[in-house]
mmCIF file of all heavy atoms, coordinates in Angstrom:
data_MODEL
# 
_entry.id   MODEL 
# 
loop_
_atom_site.group_PDB 
_atom_site.id 
_atom_site.type_symbol 
_atom_site.label_atom_id 
_atom_site.label_alt_id 
_atom_site.label_comp_id 
_atom_site.label_asym_id 
_atom_site.label_entity_id 
_atom_site.label_seq_id 
_atom_site.pdbx_PDB_ins_code 
_atom_site.Cartn_x 
_atom_site.Cartn_y 
_atom_site.Cartn_z 
_atom_site.occupancy 
_atom_site.B_iso_or_equiv 
_atom_site.pdbx_formal_charge 
_atom_site.auth_seq_id 
_atom_site.auth_comp_id 
_atom_site.auth_asym_id 
_atom_site.auth_atom_id 
_atom_site.pdbx_PDB_model_num 
ATOM 1   N N   . GLY A 1 1  ? -17.506 9.529  -23.053 1.00 0.00 ? 1  GLY A N   1 
ATOM 2   C CA  . GLY A 1 1  ? -16.499 9.245  -24.132 1.00 0.00 ? 1  GLY A CA  1 
ATOM 3   C C   . GLY A 1 1  ? -15.192 10.024 -23.846 1.00 0.00 ? 1  GLY A C   1 
ATOM 4   O O   . GLY A 1 1  ? -14.277 9.995  -24.563 1.00 0.00 ? 1  GLY A O   1 
ATOM 5   N N   . ILE A 1 2  ? -15.230 10.765 -22.681 1.00 0.00 ? 2  ILE A N   1 
ATOM 6   C CA  . ILE A 1 2  ? -13.951 11.446 -22.252 1.00 0.00 ? 2  ILE A CA  1 
ATOM 7   C C   . ILE A 1 2  ? -13.048 10.443 -21.700 1.00 0.00 ? 2  ILE A C   1 
ATOM 8   O O   . ILE A 1 2  ? -13.471 9.670  -20.833 1.00 0.00 ? 2  ILE A O   1 
ATOM 9   C CB  . ILE A 1 2  ? -14.346 12.686 -21.295 1.00 0.00 ? 2  ILE A CB  1 
ATOM 10  C CG1 . ILE A 1 2  ? -15.267 13.567 -21.970 1.00 0.00 ? 2  ILE A CG1 1 
ATOM 11  C CG2 . ILE A 1 2  ? -13.103 13.364 -20.810 1.00 0.00 ? 2  ILE A CG2 1 
ATOM 12  C CD1 . ILE A 1 2  ? -15.844 14.662 -20.946 1.00 0.00 ? 2  ILE A CD1 1 
ATOM 13  N N   . PRO A 1 3  ? -11.743 10.442 -22.019 1.00 0.00 ? 3  PRO A N   1 
ATOM 14  C CA  . PRO A 1 3  ? -10.865 9.473  -21.439 1.00 0.00 ? 3  PRO A CA  1 
ATOM 15  C C   . PRO A 1 3  ? -10.716 9.434  -19.895 1.00 0.00 ? 3  PRO A C   1 
ATOM 16  O O   . PRO A 1 3  ? -10.816 10.519 -19.239 1.00 0.00 ? 3  PRO A O   1 
ATOM 17  C CB  . PRO A 1 3  ? -9.404  9.811  -22.018 1.00 0.00 ? 3  PRO A CB  1 
ATOM 18  C CG  . PRO A 1 3  ? -9.785  10.618 -23.291 1.00 0.00 ? 3  PRO A CG  1 
ATOM 19  C CD  . PRO A 1 3  ? -11.181 11.252 -22.975 1.00 0.00 ? 3  PRO A CD  1 
ATOM 20  N N   . TYR A 1 4  ? -10.699 8.272  -19.412 1.00 0.00 ? 4  TYR A N   1 
ATOM 21  C CA  . TYR A 1 4  ? -10.488 8.147  -17.863 1.00 0.00 ? 4  TYR A CA  1 
ATOM 22  C C   . TYR A 1 4  ? -9.064  8.202  -17.555 1.00 0.00 ? 4  TYR A C   1 
ATOM 23  O O   . TYR A 1 4  ? -8.268  7.475  -18.224 1.00 0.00 ? 4  TYR A O   1 
ATOM 24  C CB  . TYR A 1 4  ? -11.112 6.821  -17.474 1.00 0.00 ? 4  TYR A CB  1 
ATOM 25  C CG  . TYR A 1 4  ? -10.946 6.588  -15.993 1.00 0.00 ? 4  TYR A CG  1 
ATOM 26  C CD1 . TYR A 1 4  ? -11.696 7.000  -15.040 1.00 0.00 ? 4  TYR A CD1 1 
ATOM 27  C CD2 . TYR A 1 4  ? -9.933  5.625  -15.564 1.00 0.00 ? 4  TYR A CD2 1 
ATOM 28  C CE1 . TYR A 1 4  ? -11.638 6.735  -13.672 1.00 0.00 ? 4  TYR A CE1 1 
ATOM 29  C CE2 . TYR A 1 4  ? -9.749  5.310  -14.182 1.00 0.00 ? 4  TYR A CE2 1 
ATOM 30  C CZ  . TYR A 1 4  ? -10.543 5.869  -13.329 1.00 0.00 ? 4  TYR A CZ  1 
ATOM 31  O OH  . TYR A 1 4  ? -10.332 5.531  -11.884 1.00 0.00 ? 4  TYR A OH  1 
ATOM 32  N N   . GLY A 1 5  ? -8.668  8.862  -16.568 1.00 0.00 ? 5  GLY A N   1 
ATOM 33  C CA  . GLY A 1 5  ? -7.245  8.875  -16.150 1.00 0.00 ? 5  GLY A CA  1 
ATOM 34  C C   . GLY A 1 5  ? -7.042  8.753  -14.634 1.00 0.00 ? 5  GLY A C   1 
ATOM 35  O O   . GLY A 1 5  ? -7.935  8.960  -13.790 1.00 0.00 ? 5  GLY A O   1 
ATOM 36  N N   . ILE A 1 6  ? -5.901  8.347  -14.171 1.00 0.00 ? 6  ILE A N   1 
ATOM 37  C CA  . ILE A 1 6  ? -5.549  8.335  -12.797 1.00 0.00 ? 6  ILE A CA  1 
ATOM 38  C C   . ILE A 1 6  ? -5.100  9.689  -12.413 1.00 0.00 ? 6  ILE A C   1 
ATOM 39  O O   . ILE A 1 6  ? -4.050  10.047 -12.791 1.00 0.00 ? 6  ILE A O   1 
ATOM 40  C CB  . ILE A 1 6  ? -4.490  7.310  -12.535 1.00 0.00 ? 6  ILE A CB  1 
ATOM 41  C CG1 . ILE A 1 6  ? -4.966  5.813  -12.845 1.00 0.00 ? 6  ILE A CG1 1 
ATOM 42  C CG2 . ILE A 1 6  ? -4.066  7.187  -11.046 1.00 0.00 ? 6  ILE A CG2 1 
ATOM 43  C CD1 . ILE A 1 6  ? -4.012  4.740  -12.803 1.00 0.00 ? 6  ILE A CD1 1 
ATOM 44  N N   . GLY A 1 7  ? -5.897  10.366 -11.572 1.00 0.00 ? 7  GLY A N   1 
ATOM 45  C CA  . GLY A 1 7  ? -5.506  11.784 -11.209 1.00 0.00 ? 7  GLY A CA  1 
ATOM 46  C C   . GLY A 1 7  ? -4.851  11.915 -9.935  1.00 0.00 ? 7  GLY A C   1 
ATOM 47  O O   . GLY A 1 7  ? -4.106  12.880 -9.677  1.00 0.00 ? 7  GLY A O   1 
ATOM 48  N N   . PHE A 1 8  ? -4.976  10.743 -9.047  1.00 0.00 ? 8  PHE A N   1 
ATOM 49  C CA  . PHE A 1 8  ? -4.310  10.937 -7.713  1.00 0.00 ? 8  PHE A CA  1 
ATOM 50  C C   . PHE A 1 8  ? -3.640  9.645  -7.449  1.00 0.00 ? 8  PHE A C   1 
ATOM 51  O O   . PHE A 1 8  ? -4.196  8.584  -7.697  1.00 0.00 ? 8  PHE A O   1 
ATOM 52  C CB  . PHE A 1 8  ? -5.398  11.302 -6.649  1.00 0.00 ? 8  PHE A CB  1 
ATOM 53  C CG  . PHE A 1 8  ? -5.976  12.605 -6.740  1.00 0.00 ? 8  PHE A CG  1 
ATOM 54  C CD1 . PHE A 1 8  ? -7.165  12.807 -7.470  1.00 0.00 ? 8  PHE A CD1 1 
ATOM 55  C CD2 . PHE A 1 8  ? -5.401  13.779 -6.159  1.00 0.00 ? 8  PHE A CD2 1 
ATOM 56  C CE1 . PHE A 1 8  ? -7.734  14.085 -7.563  1.00 0.00 ? 8  PHE A CE1 1 
ATOM 57  C CE2 . PHE A 1 8  ? -5.998  14.955 -6.438  1.00 0.00 ? 8  PHE A CE2 1 
ATOM 58  C CZ  . PHE A 1 8  ? -7.137  15.097 -7.034  1.00 0.00 ? 8  PHE A CZ  1 
ATOM 59  N N   . ILE A 1 9  ? -2.536  9.704  -6.720  1.00 0.00 ? 9  ILE A N   1 
ATOM 60  C CA  . ILE A 1 9  ? -1.848  8.565  -6.045  1.00 0.00 ? 9  ILE A CA  1 
ATOM 61  C C   . ILE A 1 9  ? -2.200  8.600  -4.571  1.00 0.00 ? 9  ILE A C   1 
ATOM 62  O O   . ILE A 1 9  ? -1.938  9.655  -3.948  1.00 0.00 ? 9  ILE A O   1 
ATOM 63  C CB  . ILE A 1 9  ? -0.343  8.524  -6.375  1.00 0.00 ? 9  ILE A CB  1 
ATOM 64  C CG1 . ILE A 1 9  ? -0.032  8.502  -7.856  1.00 0.00 ? 9  ILE A CG1 1 
ATOM 65  C CG2 . ILE A 1 9  ? 0.214   7.386  -5.776  1.00 0.00 ? 9  ILE A CG2 1 
ATOM 66  C CD1 . ILE A 1 9  ? -0.698  7.338  -8.679  1.00 0.00 ? 9  ILE A CD1 1 
ATOM 67  N N   . LYS A 1 10 ? -2.800  7.536  -4.112  1.00 0.00 ? 10 LYS A N   1 
ATOM 68  C CA  . LYS A 1 10 ? -3.162  7.490  -2.700  1.00 0.00 ? 10 LYS A CA  1 
ATOM 69  C C   . LYS A 1 10 ? -2.141  6.763  -1.834  1.00 0.00 ? 10 LYS A C   1 
ATOM 70  O O   . LYS A 1 10 ? -1.693  5.763  -2.265  1.00 0.00 ? 10 LYS A O   1 
ATOM 71  C CB  . LYS A 1 10 ? -4.479  6.825  -2.548  1.00 0.00 ? 10 LYS A CB  1 
ATOM 72  C CG  . LYS A 1 10 ? -5.160  6.815  -1.146  1.00 0.00 ? 10 LYS A CG  1 
ATOM 73  C CD  . LYS A 1 10 ? -6.423  5.947  -1.120  1.00 0.00 ? 10 LYS A CD  1 
ATOM 74  C CE  . LYS A 1 10 ? -6.824  5.764  0.357   1.00 0.00 ? 10 LYS A CE  1 
ATOM 75  N NZ  . LYS A 1 10 ? -8.147  5.036  0.482   1.00 0.00 ? 10 LYS A NZ  1 
ATOM 76  N N   . ASN A 1 11 ? -1.810  7.423  -0.740  1.00 0.00 ? 11 ASN A N   1 
ATOM 77  C CA  . ASN A 1 11 ? -1.037  6.788  0.184   1.00 0.00 ? 11 ASN A CA  1 
ATOM 78  C C   . ASN A 1 11 ? -1.850  5.680  0.946   1.00 0.00 ? 11 ASN A C   1 
ATOM 79  O O   . ASN A 1 11 ? -2.873  5.945  1.532   1.00 0.00 ? 11 ASN A O   1 
ATOM 80  C CB  . ASN A 1 11 ? -0.471  7.819  1.311   1.00 0.00 ? 11 ASN A CB  1 
ATOM 81  C CG  . ASN A 1 11 ? 0.488   7.215  2.169   1.00 0.00 ? 11 ASN A CG  1 
ATOM 82  O OD1 . ASN A 1 11 ? 0.474   6.078  2.480   1.00 0.00 ? 11 ASN A OD1 1 
ATOM 83  N ND2 . ASN A 1 11 ? 1.289   8.063  2.810   1.00 0.00 ? 11 ASN A ND2 1 
ATOM 84  N N   . LYS A 1 12 ? -1.407  4.499  0.778   1.00 0.00 ? 12 LYS A N   1 
ATOM 85  C CA  . LYS A 1 12 ? -2.209  3.358  1.192   1.00 0.00 ? 12 LYS A CA  1 
ATOM 86  C C   . LYS A 1 12 ? -2.013  3.139  2.699   1.00 0.00 ? 12 LYS A C   1 
ATOM 87  O O   . LYS A 1 12 ? -2.736  2.265  3.369   1.00 0.00 ? 12 LYS A O   1 
ATOM 88  C CB  . LYS A 1 12 ? -1.728  2.041  0.530   1.00 0.00 ? 12 LYS A CB  1 
ATOM 89  C CG  . LYS A 1 12 ? -1.997  1.996  -1.075  1.00 0.00 ? 12 LYS A CG  1 
ATOM 90  C CD  . LYS A 1 12 ? -1.519  0.834  -1.747  1.00 0.00 ? 12 LYS A CD  1 
ATOM 91  C CE  . LYS A 1 12 ? -1.863  0.932  -3.177  1.00 0.00 ? 12 LYS A CE  1 
ATOM 92  N NZ  . LYS A 1 12 ? -1.330  -0.316 -3.858  1.00 0.00 ? 12 LYS A NZ  1 
ATOM 93  N N   . TYR A 1 13 ? -1.128  3.895  3.294   1.00 0.00 ? 13 TYR A N   1 
ATOM 94  C CA  . TYR A 1 13 ? -0.773  3.723  4.819   1.00 0.00 ? 13 TYR A CA  1 
ATOM 95  C C   . TYR A 1 13 ? -1.295  4.765  5.657   1.00 0.00 ? 13 TYR A C   1 
ATOM 96  O O   . TYR A 1 13 ? -0.899  4.897  6.818   1.00 0.00 ? 13 TYR A O   1 
ATOM 97  C CB  . TYR A 1 13 ? 0.704   3.517  5.016   1.00 0.00 ? 13 TYR A CB  1 
ATOM 98  C CG  . TYR A 1 13 ? 1.226   2.499  4.148   1.00 0.00 ? 13 TYR A CG  1 
ATOM 99  C CD1 . TYR A 1 13 ? 1.892   2.755  2.806   1.00 0.00 ? 13 TYR A CD1 1 
ATOM 100 C CD2 . TYR A 1 13 ? 1.041   1.101  4.354   1.00 0.00 ? 13 TYR A CD2 1 
ATOM 101 C CE1 . TYR A 1 13 ? 2.343   1.719  2.061   1.00 0.00 ? 13 TYR A CE1 1 
ATOM 102 C CE2 . TYR A 1 13 ? 1.599   0.140  3.654   1.00 0.00 ? 13 TYR A CE2 1 
ATOM 103 C CZ  . TYR A 1 13 ? 2.235   0.439  2.408   1.00 0.00 ? 13 TYR A CZ  1 
ATOM 104 O OH  . TYR A 1 13 ? 2.677   -0.554 1.615   1.00 0.00 ? 13 TYR A OH  1 
ATOM 105 N N   . ILE A 1 14 ? -2.404  5.380  5.114   1.00 0.00 ? 14 ILE A N   1 
ATOM 106 C CA  . ILE A 1 14 ? -3.154  6.373  5.985   1.00 0.00 ? 14 ILE A CA  1 
ATOM 107 C C   . ILE A 1 14 ? -4.549  6.150  5.802   1.00 0.00 ? 14 ILE A C   1 
ATOM 108 O O   . ILE A 1 14 ? -5.076  5.856  4.812   1.00 0.00 ? 14 ILE A O   1 
ATOM 109 C CB  . ILE A 1 14 ? -2.715  7.825  5.567   1.00 0.00 ? 14 ILE A CB  1 
ATOM 110 C CG1 . ILE A 1 14 ? -3.265  8.877  6.503   1.00 0.00 ? 14 ILE A CG1 1 
ATOM 111 C CG2 . ILE A 1 14 ? -3.127  8.092  4.200   1.00 0.00 ? 14 ILE A CG2 1 
ATOM 112 C CD1 . ILE A 1 14 ? -2.849  10.392 6.306   1.00 0.00 ? 14 ILE A CD1 1 
ATOM 113 N N   . GLY A 1 15 ? -5.335  6.332  6.960   1.00 0.00 ? 15 GLY A N   1 
ATOM 114 C CA  . GLY A 1 15 ? -6.769  6.110  7.004   1.00 0.00 ? 15 GLY A CA  1 
ATOM 115 C C   . GLY A 1 15 ? -7.458  7.285  6.196   1.00 0.00 ? 15 GLY A C   1 
ATOM 116 O O   . GLY A 1 15 ? -6.910  8.217  5.775   1.00 0.00 ? 15 GLY A O   1 
ATOM 117 N N   . ARG A 1 16 ? -8.739  7.054  6.081   1.00 0.00 ? 16 ARG A N   1 
ATOM 118 C CA  . ARG A 1 16 ? -9.574  8.220  5.498   1.00 0.00 ? 16 ARG A CA  1 
ATOM 119 C C   . ARG A 1 16 ? -9.436  9.455  6.182   1.00 0.00 ? 16 ARG A C   1 
ATOM 120 O O   . ARG A 1 16 ? -9.385  9.491  7.386   1.00 0.00 ? 16 ARG A O   1 
ATOM 121 C CB  . ARG A 1 16 ? -11.057 7.790  5.330   1.00 0.00 ? 16 ARG A CB  1 
ATOM 122 C CG  . ARG A 1 16 ? -11.211 6.545  4.453   1.00 0.00 ? 16 ARG A CG  1 
ATOM 123 C CD  . ARG A 1 16 ? -12.744 6.337  4.203   1.00 0.00 ? 16 ARG A CD  1 
ATOM 124 N NE  . ARG A 1 16 ? -12.865 5.354  3.111   1.00 0.00 ? 16 ARG A NE  1 
ATOM 125 C CZ  . ARG A 1 16 ? -14.017 5.039  2.617   1.00 0.00 ? 16 ARG A CZ  1 
ATOM 126 N NH1 . ARG A 1 16 ? -15.170 5.532  3.016   1.00 0.00 ? 16 ARG A NH1 1 
ATOM 127 N NH2 . ARG A 1 16 ? -14.121 4.188  1.616   1.00 0.00 ? 16 ARG A NH2 1 
ATOM 128 N N   . THR A 1 17 ? -9.425  10.496 5.460   1.00 0.00 ? 17 THR A N   1 
ATOM 129 C CA  . THR A 1 17 ? -9.103  11.850 6.040   1.00 0.00 ? 17 THR A CA  1 
ATOM 130 C C   . THR A 1 17 ? -9.763  12.183 7.293   1.00 0.00 ? 17 THR A C   1 
ATOM 131 O O   . THR A 1 17 ? -9.330  12.692 8.326   1.00 0.00 ? 17 THR A O   1 
ATOM 132 C CB  . THR A 1 17 ? -9.178  13.009 4.944   1.00 0.00 ? 17 THR A CB  1 
ATOM 133 O OG1 . THR A 1 17 ? -8.506  12.564 3.860   1.00 0.00 ? 17 THR A OG1 1 
ATOM 134 C CG2 . THR A 1 17 ? -8.878  14.306 5.531   1.00 0.00 ? 17 THR A CG2 1 
ATOM 135 N N   . PHE A 1 18 ? -11.139 11.965 7.258   1.00 0.00 ? 18 PHE A N   1 
ATOM 136 C CA  . PHE A 1 18 ? -11.997 12.366 8.416   1.00 0.00 ? 18 PHE A CA  1 
ATOM 137 C C   . PHE A 1 18 ? -11.746 11.634 9.721   1.00 0.00 ? 18 PHE A C   1 
ATOM 138 O O   . PHE A 1 18 ? -12.226 11.972 10.683  1.00 0.00 ? 18 PHE A O   1 
ATOM 139 C CB  . PHE A 1 18 ? -13.472 12.265 8.057   1.00 0.00 ? 18 PHE A CB  1 
ATOM 140 C CG  . PHE A 1 18 ? -13.833 10.935 7.496   1.00 0.00 ? 18 PHE A CG  1 
ATOM 141 C CD1 . PHE A 1 18 ? -13.916 9.905  8.372   1.00 0.00 ? 18 PHE A CD1 1 
ATOM 142 C CD2 . PHE A 1 18 ? -14.294 10.804 6.263   1.00 0.00 ? 18 PHE A CD2 1 
ATOM 143 C CE1 . PHE A 1 18 ? -14.325 8.665  7.985   1.00 0.00 ? 18 PHE A CE1 1 
ATOM 144 C CE2 . PHE A 1 18 ? -14.668 9.466  5.798   1.00 0.00 ? 18 PHE A CE2 1 
ATOM 145 C CZ  . PHE A 1 18 ? -14.681 8.477  6.632   1.00 0.00 ? 18 PHE A CZ  1 
ATOM 146 N N   . ILE A 1 19 ? -10.986 10.525 9.641   1.00 0.00 ? 19 ILE A N   1 
ATOM 147 C CA  . ILE A 1 19 ? -10.676 9.711  10.953  1.00 0.00 ? 19 ILE A CA  1 
ATOM 148 C C   . ILE A 1 19 ? -9.740  10.629 11.767  1.00 0.00 ? 19 ILE A C   1 
ATOM 149 O O   . ILE A 1 19 ? -9.769  10.412 12.913  1.00 0.00 ? 19 ILE A O   1 
ATOM 150 C CB  . ILE A 1 19 ? -9.966  8.430  10.437  1.00 0.00 ? 19 ILE A CB  1 
ATOM 151 C CG1 . ILE A 1 19 ? -10.993 7.575  9.739   1.00 0.00 ? 19 ILE A CG1 1 
ATOM 152 C CG2 . ILE A 1 19 ? -9.504  7.666  11.736  1.00 0.00 ? 19 ILE A CG2 1 
ATOM 153 C CD1 . ILE A 1 19 ? -12.339 7.168  10.452  1.00 0.00 ? 19 ILE A CD1 1 
ATOM 154 N N   . SER A 1 20 ? -8.972  11.538 11.181  1.00 0.00 ? 20 SER A N   1 
ATOM 155 C CA  . SER A 1 20 ? -8.142  12.382 12.116  1.00 0.00 ? 20 SER A CA  1 
ATOM 156 C C   . SER A 1 20 ? -8.919  13.108 13.026  1.00 0.00 ? 20 SER A C   1 
ATOM 157 O O   . SER A 1 20 ? -9.980  13.675 12.722  1.00 0.00 ? 20 SER A O   1 
ATOM 158 C CB  . SER A 1 20 ? -7.364  13.308 11.119  1.00 0.00 ? 20 SER A CB  1 
ATOM 159 O OG  . SER A 1 20 ? -6.571  12.656 10.189  1.00 0.00 ? 20 SER A OG  1 
ATOM 160 N N   . PRO A 1 21 ? -8.509  13.261 14.270  1.00 0.00 ? 21 PRO A N   1 
ATOM 161 C CA  . PRO A 1 21 ? -9.395  13.857 15.351  1.00 0.00 ? 21 PRO A CA  1 
ATOM 162 C C   . PRO A 1 21 ? -9.390  15.386 15.314  1.00 0.00 ? 21 PRO A C   1 
ATOM 163 O O   . PRO A 1 21 ? -10.302 15.861 15.954  1.00 0.00 ? 21 PRO A O   1 
ATOM 164 C CB  . PRO A 1 21 ? -8.667  13.420 16.605  1.00 0.00 ? 21 PRO A CB  1 
ATOM 165 C CG  . PRO A 1 21 ? -7.170  13.107 16.223  1.00 0.00 ? 21 PRO A CG  1 
ATOM 166 C CD  . PRO A 1 21 ? -7.240  12.654 14.804  1.00 0.00 ? 21 PRO A CD  1 
ATOM 167 N N   . SER A 1 22 ? -8.549  16.109 14.577  1.00 0.00 ? 22 SER A N   1 
ATOM 168 C CA  . SER A 1 22 ? -8.808  17.576 14.680  1.00 0.00 ? 22 SER A CA  1 
ATOM 169 C C   . SER A 1 22 ? -8.825  17.972 13.196  1.00 0.00 ? 22 SER A C   1 
ATOM 170 O O   . SER A 1 22 ? -8.363  17.408 12.255  1.00 0.00 ? 22 SER A O   1 
ATOM 171 C CB  . SER A 1 22 ? -7.586  18.189 15.386  1.00 0.00 ? 22 SER A CB  1 
ATOM 172 O OG  . SER A 1 22 ? -6.362  18.052 14.596  1.00 0.00 ? 22 SER A OG  1 
ATOM 173 N N   . GLN A 1 23 ? -9.346  19.174 13.018  1.00 0.00 ? 23 GLN A N   1 
ATOM 174 C CA  . GLN A 1 23 ? -9.491  19.850 11.750  1.00 0.00 ? 23 GLN A CA  1 
ATOM 175 C C   . GLN A 1 23 ? -8.062  20.080 11.163  1.00 0.00 ? 23 GLN A C   1 
ATOM 176 O O   . GLN A 1 23 ? -7.854  19.909 10.050  1.00 0.00 ? 23 GLN A O   1 
ATOM 177 C CB  . GLN A 1 23 ? -10.305 21.094 11.775  1.00 0.00 ? 23 GLN A CB  1 
ATOM 178 C CG  . GLN A 1 23 ? -10.403 21.757 10.415  1.00 0.00 ? 23 GLN A CG  1 
ATOM 179 C CD  . GLN A 1 23 ? -11.215 20.878 9.456   1.00 0.00 ? 23 GLN A CD  1 
ATOM 180 O OE1 . GLN A 1 23 ? -12.111 20.181 9.809   1.00 0.00 ? 23 GLN A OE1 1 
ATOM 181 N NE2 . GLN A 1 23 ? -10.726 20.818 8.138   1.00 0.00 ? 23 GLN A NE2 1 
ATOM 182 N N   . ARG A 1 24 ? -7.155  20.506 12.108  1.00 0.00 ? 24 ARG A N   1 
ATOM 183 C CA  . ARG A 1 24 ? -5.766  20.697 11.571  1.00 0.00 ? 24 ARG A CA  1 
ATOM 184 C C   . ARG A 1 24 ? -5.130  19.516 10.970  1.00 0.00 ? 24 ARG A C   1 
ATOM 185 O O   . ARG A 1 24 ? -4.541  19.565 9.879   1.00 0.00 ? 24 ARG A O   1 
ATOM 186 C CB  . ARG A 1 24 ? -4.932  21.283 12.745  1.00 0.00 ? 24 ARG A CB  1 
ATOM 187 C CG  . ARG A 1 24 ? -3.539  21.673 12.375  1.00 0.00 ? 24 ARG A CG  1 
ATOM 188 C CD  . ARG A 1 24 ? -2.699  22.099 13.609  1.00 0.00 ? 24 ARG A CD  1 
ATOM 189 N NE  . ARG A 1 24 ? -1.314  22.342 13.230  1.00 0.00 ? 24 ARG A NE  1 
ATOM 190 C CZ  . ARG A 1 24 ? -0.438  22.871 14.080  1.00 0.00 ? 24 ARG A CZ  1 
ATOM 191 N NH1 . ARG A 1 24 ? -0.819  23.103 15.355  1.00 0.00 ? 24 ARG A NH1 1 
ATOM 192 N NH2 . ARG A 1 24 ? 0.784   23.024 13.653  1.00 0.00 ? 24 ARG A NH2 1 
# 
Protein backbone atom coordinates (compact mmCIF):
# COMPACT_ATOMS: atom_id res chain seq x y z
CA GLY A 1 0.00 0.00 0.00
CA ILE A 2 3.02 2.30 -0.06
CA PRO A 3 2.88 4.56 -3.14
CA TYR A 4 5.04 3.60 -6.10
CA GLY A 5 7.29 6.30 -7.52
CA ILE A 6 9.84 6.80 -10.26
CA GLY A 7 13.08 7.10 -8.36
CA PHE A 8 15.60 7.11 -11.20
CA ILE A 9 15.78 8.40 -14.73
CA LYS A 10 17.79 6.01 -16.86
CA ASN A 11 19.99 7.10 -19.73
CA LYS A 12 18.65 4.97 -22.57
CA TYR A 13 21.83 5.29 -24.59
CA ILE A 14 24.19 3.41 -22.31
CA GLY A 15 24.36 -0.34 -21.78
CA ARG A 16 24.01 -2.13 -18.48
CA THR A 17 26.71 -1.05 -16.05
CA PHE A 18 28.55 -4.34 -15.89
CA ILE A 19 29.19 -4.35 -19.64
CA SER A 20 31.94 -1.75 -19.05
CA PRO A 21 35.30 -3.51 -19.23
CA SER A 22 36.91 -2.02 -16.14
CA GLN A 23 35.82 -1.37 -12.57
CA ARG A 24 36.69 2.32 -12.99
